Amino acid sequence: MDNLQYALDGAWRVLLASLLFGAVLPVIFAVGVWSFAWGSGGEAEVSHGRPHPVGKLLAGVCFLVVLLGVVLGIAIIAATGFGKEISFDHGYPTVVTKEG
């Protein structure tokens, strides 16, 4: 029974990571590209409207979130290679020694 519990525990972690890095980050990036085009106005739109500063701000936030996600993914891979792991015990990611 413990093996099934361990398998399900690992499965939901893999599912969460795959959804986060495989689906959510590309959607946020796409919203950032759309927001940047909306914020540029002019030739970026069919109606040739005026620029929207909120669009550029939203694009910057979206690109920052994607960049932080990529950096976190690389940090997790690098930490694992050094025998460490990333912990979120304090609310922010920290590199700690693996237990066990």
C-alpha atoms as a PDB file:
ATOM      1  CA  MET A   1       0.000   0.000   0.000  1.00  0.00           C
ATOM      2  CA  ASP A   2       2.921   2.338   0.717  1.00  0.00           C
ATOM      3  CA  ASN A   3       4.233   1.864  -2.823  1.00  0.00           C
ATOM      4  CA  LEU A   4       0.959   3.084  -4.287  1.00  0.00           C
ATOM      5  CA  GLN A   5       1.041   6.130  -2.028  1.00  0.00           C
ATOM      6  CA  TYR A   6       4.623   6.926  -3.081  1.00  0.00           C
ATOM      7  CA  ALA A   7       3.717   6.509  -6.746  1.00  0.00           C
ATOM      8  CA  LEU A   8       0.705   8.818  -6.469  1.00  0.00           C
ATOM      9  CA  ASP A   9       2.742  11.371  -4.535  1.00  0.00           C
ATOM     10  CA  GLY A  10       5.342  11.433  -7.295  1.00  0.00           C
ATOM     11  CA  ALA A  11       2.693  11.479 -10.017  1.00  0.00           C
ATOM     12  CA  TRP A  12       0.939  14.609  -8.771  1.00  0.00           C
ATOM     13  CA  ARG A  13       4.298  16.403  -8.482  1.00  0.00           C
ATOM     14  CA  VAL A  14       5.151  15.523 -12.074  1.00  0.00           C
ATOM     15  CA  LEU A  15       1.679  16.579 -13.212  1.00  0.00           C
ATOM     16  CA  LEU A  16       1.979  19.924 -11.425  1.00  0.00           C
ATOM     17  CA  ALA A  17       5.432  20.641 -12.853  1.00  0.00           C
ATOM     18  CA  SER A  18       4.384  19.659 -16.364  1.00  0.00           C
ATOM     19  CA  LEU A  19       1.307  21.881 -16.218  1.00  0.00           C
ATOM     20  CA  LEU A  20       3.295  24.796 -14.845  1.00  0.00           C
ATOM     21  CA  PHE A  21       6.222  24.651 -17.249  1.00  0.00           C
ATOM     22  CA  GLY A  22       4.451  23.031 -20.190  1.00  0.00           C
ATOM     23  CA  ALA A  23       1.177  24.952 -20.337  1.00  0.00           C
ATOM     24  CA  VAL A  24       0.979  27.945 -18.023  1.00  0.00           C
ATOM     25  CA  LEU A  25       4.276  29.636 -18.876  1.00  0.00           C
ATOM     26  CA  PRO A  26       3.680  29.540 -22.660  1.00  0.00           C
ATOM     27  CA  VAL A  27       0.193  30.998 -22.123  1.00  0.00           C
ATOM     28  CA  ILE A  28       1.620  33.811 -19.981  1.00  0.00           C
ATOM     29  CA  PHE A  29       4.245  34.457 -22.665  1.00  0.00           C
ATOM     30  CA  ALA A  30       1.531  34.615 -25.342  1.00  0.00           C
ATOM     31  CA  VAL A  31      -0.447  37.091 -23.242  1.00  0.00           C
ATOM     32  CA  GLY A  32       2.739  39.137 -22.888  1.00  0.00           C
ATOM     33  CA  VAL A  33       3.265  39.237 -26.657  1.00  0.00           C
ATOM     34  CA  TRP A  34      -0.380  40.227 -27.188  1.00  0.00           C
ATOM     35  CA  SER A  35      -0.105  42.924 -24.503  1.00  0.00           C
ATOM     36  CA  PHE A  36       3.079  44.288 -26.033  1.00  0.00           C
ATOM     37  CA  ALA A  37       1.389  44.561 -29.443  1.00  0.00           C
ATOM     38  CA  TRP A  38      -1.624  46.254 -27.829  1.00  0.00           C
ATOM     39  CA  GLY A  39       0.682  48.592 -25.921  1.00  0.00           C
ATOM     40  CA  SER A  40       2.592  49.576 -29.055  1.00  0.00           C
ATOM     41  CA  GLY A  41      -0.483  50.589 -31.024  1.00  0.00           C
ATOM     42  CA  GLY A  42       0.137  52.015 -34.483  1.00  0.00           C
ATOM     43  CA  GLU A  43       1.280  49.359 -36.930  1.00  0.00           C
ATOM     44  CA  ALA A  44       0.856  46.572 -34.360  1.00  0.00           C
ATOM     45  CA  GLU A  45      -2.934  46.779 -34.663  1.00  0.00           C
ATOM     46  CA  VAL A  46      -5.252  46.640 -37.641  1.00  0.00           C
ATOM     47  CA  SER A  47      -7.123  49.766 -36.538  1.00  0.00           C
ATOM     48  CA  HIS A  48      -3.865  51.755 -36.159  1.00  0.00           C
ATOM     49  CA  GLY A  49      -4.977  53.003 -32.756  1.00  0.00           C
ATOM     50  CA  ARG A  50      -2.893  54.967 -30.329  1.00  0.00           C
ATOM     51  CA  PRO A  51      -0.471  53.191 -27.950  1.00  0.00           C
ATOM     52  CA  HIS A  52      -1.701  51.923 -24.588  1.00  0.00           C
ATOM     53  CA  PRO A  53       0.894  52.251 -21.779  1.00  0.00           C
ATOM     54  CA  VAL A  54      -0.985  49.665 -19.692  1.00  0.00           C
ATOM     55  CA  GLY A  55      -0.304  47.087 -22.412  1.00  0.00           C
ATOM     56  CA  LYS A  56       3.442  47.606 -22.144  1.00  0.00           C
ATOM     57  CA  LEU A  57       3.268  47.359 -18.357  1.00  0.00           C
ATOM     58  CA  LEU A  58       1.244  44.143 -18.540  1.00  0.00           C
ATOM     59  CA  ALA A  59       3.683  42.742 -21.112  1.00  0.00           C
ATOM     60  CA  GLY A  60       6.610  43.522 -18.825  1.00  0.00           C
ATOM     61  CA  VAL A  61       4.927  41.757 -15.903  1.00  0.00           C
ATOM     62  CA  CYS A  62       4.139  38.701 -18.064  1.00  0.00           C
ATOM     63  CA  PHE A  63       7.702  38.486 -19.382  1.00  0.00           C
ATOM     64  CA  LEU A  64       9.083  38.861 -15.840  1.00  0.00           C
ATOM     65  CA  VAL A  65       6.910  35.978 -14.602  1.00  0.00           C
ATOM     66  CA  VAL A  66       8.077  33.777 -17.493  1.00  0.00           C
ATOM     67  CA  LEU A  67      11.715  34.706 -16.860  1.00  0.00           C
ATOM     68  CA  LEU A  68      11.384  33.872 -13.148  1.00  0.00           C
ATOM     69  CA  GLY A  69       9.794  30.522 -14.043  1.00  0.00           C
ATOM     70  CA  VAL A  70      12.649  29.655 -16.380  1.00  0.00           C
ATOM     71  CA  VAL A  71      15.266  30.690 -13.802  1.00  0.00           C
ATOM     72  CA  LEU A  72      13.507  28.604 -11.139  1.00  0.00           C
ATOM     73  CA  GLY A  73      13.451  25.580 -13.453  1.00  0.00           C
ATOM     74  CA  ILE A  74      17.159  25.921 -14.193  1.00  0.00           C
ATOM     75  CA  ALA A  75      17.884  26.364 -10.471  1.00  0.00           C
ATOM     76  CA  ILE A  76      16.008  23.159  -9.655  1.00  0.00           C
ATOM     77  CA  ILE A  77      17.949  21.220 -12.280  1.00  0.00           C
ATOM     78  CA  ALA A  78      21.299  22.691 -11.192  1.00  0.00           C
ATOM     79  CA  ALA A  79      20.611  22.125  -7.483  1.00  0.00           C
ATOM     80  CA  THR A  80      19.728  18.490  -8.131  1.00  0.00           C
ATOM     81  CA  GLY A  81      23.010  18.038  -9.980  1.00  0.00           C
ATOM     82  CA  PHE A  82      24.924  19.252  -6.923  1.00  0.00           C
ATOM     83  CA  GLY A  83      23.026  16.959  -4.545  1.00  0.00           C
ATOM     84  CA  LYS A  84      20.822  19.770  -3.214  1.00  0.00           C
ATOM     85  CA  GLU A  85      17.146  20.618  -3.568  1.00  0.00           C
ATOM     86  CA  ILE A  86      14.978  23.724  -3.693  1.00  0.00           C
ATOM     87  CA  SER A  87      12.814  24.318  -0.613  1.00  0.00           C
ATOM     88  CA  PHE A  88       9.847  26.680  -0.326  1.00  0.00           C
ATOM     89  CA  ASP A  89       9.547  26.390   3.466  1.00  0.00           C
ATOM     90  CA  HIS A  90      10.030  30.137   4.004  1.00  0.00           C
ATOM     91  CA  GLY A  91       7.758  31.196   1.135  1.00  0.00           C
ATOM     92  CA  TYR A  92      10.601  31.834  -1.293  1.00  0.00           C
ATOM     93  CA  PRO A  93      12.926  29.291  -2.933  1.00  0.00           C
ATOM     94  CA  THR A  94      16.122  28.408  -1.088  1.00  0.00           C
ATOM     95  CA  VAL A  95      18.770  25.786  -1.852  1.00  0.00           C
ATOM     96  CA  VAL A  96      19.059  23.192   0.922  1.00  0.00           C
ATOM     97  CA  THR A  97      20.846  19.869   1.378  1.00  0.00           C
ATOM     98  CA  LYS A  98      18.754  16.833   0.487  1.00  0.00           C
ATOM     99  CA  GLU A  99      17.384  14.904   3.420  1.00  0.00           C
ATOM    100  CA  GLY A 100      17.928  11.178   3.554  1.00  0.00           C
END
